[in-house]
Amino acid sequence: MDLGWLPGVHAPDLIVSSLLAPGTPEPAGEPGLPAWETVFIGAGFLGMALALVVGLPLYLRDRWPWAFAGRASDRATGRASGRASDGAADGAADRAAVGAGAGARTRWIMVAPVALAVLWTYWAAGGTAGLDPSAPRSEGADARLLLADSALCAVCGVWSLWALNGRGGARTPSWLPMALGFVASGSLFAWGAWKLLWLLPPGVYQPAEYRWLALAEHVVAVGAGLAMLVTLVRSTRPASARS
């Protein structure tokens, strides 16, 4: 299911970049891609995204209604109380221990997407550290929009884990961090895996950053997306199934 989010997540980049940079010079004798055609291609991807945005939540709400009901803070409390013992004193101690353990695991999982968000934001803002001077430079609006979009997905994933761990405010509905978290995990995993497919064969693709950095970057993205997905799936279980 993660791979299905890829066209929709990055569709706005294609449309906005085509409007900001409508004409790209092509070598002599080679036909260029008209700007209007790029807009229509992007609109097609955006239509797929809207279909997913409308249809997928409806399916998920019917398939796992408990995953999107209630408040995010209640979900964190239910996770701890579902594993606690029946005794009052022992139950309180168990809830505190379970809550602390879950919070520590969540914080470790958030380290990777936070680092990726900082790196991608830095490059989107025009930073050059880590970029290979010998590689073809792509500093246009489309490249920066793609980096900013990837950084935004990573930030949304971090916030979703933070909110589902009981830190997102008492009135935050569960469906909001749950939906953003699934989108973010899909973006990190699918885009990172796609880039790795091009990076692993030698001589096929030359990234803008150093090759070792690009490999590490996208391996971390794939791992972060999977870890985020596992955490979210565990959060979709009803409290009775977590005991």
Protein backbone atom coordinates (compact mmCIF):
# COMPACT_ATOMS: atom_id res chain seq x y z
CA MET A 1 0.00 0.00 0.00
CA ASP A 2 2.91 2.36 0.64
CA LEU A 3 3.94 2.44 -3.02
CA GLY A 4 0.51 3.66 -4.01
CA TRP A 5 1.08 6.98 -2.26
CA LEU A 6 4.16 7.84 -4.32
CA PRO A 7 2.48 9.47 -7.37
CA GLY A 8 0.11 11.51 -5.21
CA VAL A 9 2.69 12.73 -2.71
CA HIS A 10 4.96 14.20 -5.39
CA ALA A 11 2.30 15.33 -7.89
CA PRO A 12 2.20 18.95 -6.62
CA ASP A 13 5.93 19.25 -7.33
CA LEU A 14 5.41 18.42 -11.00
CA ILE A 15 2.59 20.93 -11.46
CA VAL A 16 4.13 23.81 -9.50
CA SER A 17 7.58 23.38 -11.05
CA SER A 18 6.10 23.37 -14.56
CA LEU A 19 4.33 26.65 -13.82
CA LEU A 20 7.40 28.25 -12.23
CA ALA A 21 9.74 27.10 -15.01
CA PRO A 22 7.52 26.60 -18.07
CA GLY A 23 10.30 26.45 -20.62
CA THR A 24 13.42 24.27 -20.49
CA PRO A 25 15.91 24.64 -23.36
CA GLU A 26 16.59 21.40 -25.17
CA PRO A 27 19.65 20.46 -27.23
CA ALA A 28 19.43 21.31 -30.92
CA GLY A 29 17.50 18.72 -32.89
CA GLU A 30 15.75 17.23 -29.85
CA PRO A 31 12.08 18.03 -29.30
CA GLY A 32 11.30 19.49 -25.90
CA LEU A 33 8.38 18.62 -23.64
CA PRO A 34 5.75 21.39 -23.86
CA ALA A 35 4.85 23.06 -20.59
CA TRP A 36 1.13 22.40 -21.10
CA GLU A 37 1.83 18.67 -21.45
CA THR A 38 3.72 18.66 -18.15
CA VAL A 39 0.76 20.37 -16.48
CA PHE A 40 -1.66 17.75 -17.81
CA ILE A 41 0.61 14.89 -16.70
CA GLY A 42 0.82 16.45 -13.26
CA ALA A 43 -2.96 16.90 -13.19
CA GLY A 44 -3.35 13.19 -13.91
CA PHE A 45 -1.12 12.30 -10.98
CA LEU A 46 -3.01 14.80 -8.83
CA GLY A 47 -6.27 13.10 -9.78
CA MET A 48 -4.85 9.79 -8.60
CA ALA A 49 -3.83 11.49 -5.36
CA LEU A 50 -7.30 12.94 -4.81
CA ALA A 51 -8.86 9.53 -5.45
CA LEU A 52 -6.58 8.03 -2.82
CA VAL A 53 -7.21 10.87 -0.39
CA VAL A 54 -10.97 10.42 -0.68
CA GLY A 55 -11.32 6.68 -1.20
CA LEU A 56 -8.59 5.23 0.99
CA PRO A 57 -9.68 6.90 4.27
CA LEU A 58 -13.24 5.68 3.68
CA TYR A 59 -11.99 2.12 3.22
CA LEU A 60 -9.68 2.32 6.23
CA ARG A 61 -12.41 3.75 8.43
CA ASP A 62 -14.66 0.79 7.55
CA ARG A 63 -11.83 -1.77 7.80
CA TRP A 64 -10.25 -0.55 11.06
CA PRO A 65 -12.76 1.84 12.67
CA TRP A 66 -10.98 1.85 16.05
CA ALA A 67 -7.77 3.15 14.44
CA PHE A 68 -9.37 6.48 13.49
CA ALA A 69 -11.83 7.02 16.33
CA GLY A 70 -11.35 9.04 19.48
CA ARG A 71 -8.43 11.23 20.49
CA ALA A 72 -4.74 10.63 20.00
CA SER A 73 -4.04 11.12 23.71
CA ASP A 74 -6.61 8.45 24.59
CA ARG A 75 -4.81 6.01 22.29
CA ALA A 76 -1.54 6.42 24.18
CA THR A 77 -3.34 5.96 27.51
CA GLY A 78 -5.17 2.89 26.23
CA ARG A 79 -1.92 1.35 25.01
CA ALA A 80 -0.41 1.59 28.47
CA SER A 81 -3.53 0.54 30.39
CA GLY A 82 -4.13 -2.40 28.06
CA ARG A 83 -0.85 -3.98 29.18
CA ALA A 84 -1.13 -3.12 32.84
CA SER A 85 -2.12 -5.61 35.55
CA ASP A 86 -5.41 -5.58 37.40
CA GLY A 87 -4.08 -4.45 40.77
CA ALA A 88 -4.45 -0.75 41.46
CA ALA A 89 -0.92 -0.07 42.70
CA ASP A 90 0.76 -2.55 40.39
CA GLY A 91 -1.39 -1.34 37.50
CA ALA A 92 -0.29 2.26 37.98
CA ALA A 93 3.36 1.21 38.08
CA ASP A 94 2.93 -0.95 34.99
CA ARG A 95 1.25 1.88 33.09
CA ALA A 96 4.07 4.23 33.94
CA ALA A 97 6.69 1.68 32.88
CA VAL A 98 4.91 0.81 29.65
CA GLY A 99 4.35 4.47 28.82
CA ALA A 100 8.01 5.30 29.44
CA GLY A 101 9.18 2.36 27.32
CA ALA A 102 6.86 3.20 24.44
CA GLY A 103 7.90 6.84 24.60
CA ALA A 104 11.59 5.94 24.48
CA ARG A 105 11.10 3.65 21.48
CA THR A 106 9.09 6.31 19.68
CA ARG A 107 11.75 8.96 20.32
CA TRP A 108 14.43 6.71 18.86
CA ILE A 109 12.28 6.04 15.80
CA MET A 110 11.83 9.80 15.32
CA VAL A 111 15.59 10.47 15.18
CA ALA A 112 15.99 9.28 11.57
CA PRO A 113 13.12 11.28 9.98
CA VAL A 114 14.16 14.37 11.96
CA ALA A 115 17.69 14.09 10.56
CA LEU A 116 16.35 13.60 7.04
CA ALA A 117 14.00 16.57 7.37
CA VAL A 118 16.89 18.81 8.48
CA LEU A 119 19.12 17.62 5.63
CA TRP A 120 16.46 18.00 2.92
CA THR A 121 15.38 21.40 4.23
CA TYR A 122 19.00 22.57 4.17
CA TRP A 123 19.43 21.49 0.55
CA ALA A 124 16.03 22.95 -0.44
CA ALA A 125 17.13 26.29 1.04
CA GLY A 126 20.23 26.29 -1.16
CA GLY A 127 22.83 24.61 1.05
CA THR A 128 25.71 22.90 -0.71
CA ALA A 129 27.40 20.86 2.03
CA GLY A 130 27.37 17.18 1.07
CA LEU A 131 26.79 17.87 -2.63
CA ASP A 132 29.28 16.47 -5.11
CA PRO A 133 30.94 19.31 -7.09
CA SER A 134 31.62 16.95 -9.99
CA ALA A 135 27.99 15.83 -10.30
CA PRO A 136 25.50 17.52 -12.61
CA ARG A 137 23.85 20.28 -10.58
CA SER A 138 20.08 20.49 -10.39
CA GLU A 139 19.28 23.58 -8.37
CA GLY A 140 16.10 24.53 -10.21
CA ALA A 141 12.68 25.05 -8.72
CA ASP A 142 11.64 21.44 -9.35
CA ALA A 143 14.60 19.98 -7.44
CA ARG A 144 14.09 22.29 -4.47
CA LEU A 145 10.34 21.67 -4.41
CA LEU A 146 10.96 17.92 -4.38
CA LEU A 147 13.39 18.27 -1.46
CA ALA A 148 10.97 20.52 0.42
CA ASP A 149 8.13 18.08 -0.19
CA SER A 150 10.23 15.18 1.11
CA ALA A 151 11.20 17.21 4.18
CA LEU A 152 7.54 18.06 4.81
CA CYS A 153 6.59 14.37 4.66
CA ALA A 154 9.32 13.53 7.17
CA VAL A 155 8.11 16.30 9.50
CA CYS A 156 4.51 15.05 9.23
CA GLY A 157 5.68 11.55 10.12
CA VAL A 158 7.56 12.80 13.17
CA TRP A 159 4.57 14.80 14.35
CA SER A 160 2.22 11.83 13.88
CA LEU A 161 4.39 9.61 16.09
CA TRP A 162 4.66 12.42 18.63
CA ALA A 163 0.89 12.93 18.68
CA LEU A 164 0.03 9.22 18.90
CA ASN A 165 2.39 8.96 21.85
CA GLY A 166 0.16 11.36 23.78
CA ARG A 167 2.08 14.58 23.07
CA GLY A 168 -0.11 16.08 20.37
CA GLY A 169 -2.64 17.80 22.60
CA ALA A 170 -5.72 16.55 24.38
CA ARG A 171 -8.08 17.52 21.56
CA THR A 172 -6.13 16.10 18.59
CA PRO A 173 -8.33 13.54 16.76
CA SER A 174 -6.72 10.17 16.10
CA TRP A 175 -7.47 10.21 12.38
CA LEU A 176 -5.22 13.21 11.73
CA PRO A 177 -1.85 11.83 12.95
CA MET A 178 -2.81 8.35 11.77
CA ALA A 179 -3.50 9.54 8.20
CA LEU A 180 -0.44 11.81 8.05
CA GLY A 181 1.73 9.05 9.48
CA PHE A 182 0.71 6.51 6.84
CA VAL A 183 1.31 9.04 4.06
CA ALA A 184 4.71 9.97 5.49
CA SER A 185 5.81 6.36 5.98
CA GLY A 186 4.79 5.55 2.42
CA SER A 187 6.68 8.53 1.04
CA LEU A 188 9.88 7.76 2.97
CA PHE A 189 9.85 4.07 2.11
CA ALA A 190 8.72 4.26 -1.52
CA TRP A 191 10.86 7.22 -2.58
CA GLY A 192 13.92 5.91 -0.73
CA ALA A 193 13.55 2.45 -2.27
CA TRP A 194 13.05 3.95 -5.73
CA LYS A 195 16.24 6.00 -5.45
CA LEU A 196 18.17 2.97 -4.15
CA LEU A 197 17.17 0.99 -7.22
CA TRP A 198 18.97 3.61 -9.32
CA LEU A 199 21.91 4.06 -6.98
CA LEU A 200 22.93 0.44 -6.40
CA PRO A 201 23.90 -0.44 -10.02
CA PRO A 202 27.21 1.33 -10.65
CA GLY A 203 27.27 3.93 -13.39
CA VAL A 204 23.50 4.08 -13.90
CA TYR A 205 22.63 7.21 -11.94
CA GLN A 206 24.75 10.11 -10.67
CA PRO A 207 23.14 11.79 -7.65
CA ALA A 208 23.67 15.44 -6.81
CA GLU A 209 25.13 14.50 -3.43
CA TYR A 210 28.14 12.28 -2.83
CA ARG A 211 27.30 8.69 -3.72
CA TRP A 212 28.04 7.30 -0.25
CA LEU A 213 25.86 10.00 1.28
CA ALA A 214 23.01 9.28 -1.14
CA LEU A 215 23.16 5.56 -0.30
CA ALA A 216 23.14 6.25 3.44
CA GLU A 217 20.38 8.85 3.04
CA HIS A 218 17.97 6.56 1.23
CA VAL A 219 18.76 3.47 3.31
CA VAL A 220 17.88 5.54 6.38
CA ALA A 221 14.70 6.76 4.64
CA VAL A 222 13.60 3.19 3.86
CA GLY A 223 14.32 2.08 7.42
CA ALA A 224 12.53 5.10 8.89
CA GLY A 225 9.48 4.48 6.73
CA LEU A 226 9.29 0.84 7.78
CA ALA A 227 9.79 1.64 11.49
CA MET A 228 7.13 4.33 11.29
CA LEU A 229 4.74 1.92 9.57
CA VAL A 230 5.25 -0.77 12.23
CA THR A 231 4.58 1.79 14.97
CA LEU A 232 1.42 2.99 13.26
CA VAL A 233 0.13 -0.54 12.64
CA ARG A 234 0.63 -1.35 16.31
CA SER A 235 -1.35 1.79 17.15
CA THR A 236 -4.26 0.63 14.99
CA ARG A 237 -4.91 -2.35 17.23
CA PRO A 238 -7.76 -1.97 19.71
CA ALA A 239 -6.76 -1.85 23.35
CA SER A 240 -8.03 -5.41 23.96
CA ALA A 241 -5.67 -6.77 21.31
CA ARG A 242 -2.61 -5.09 22.88
CA SER A 243 -2.94 -6.78 26.25
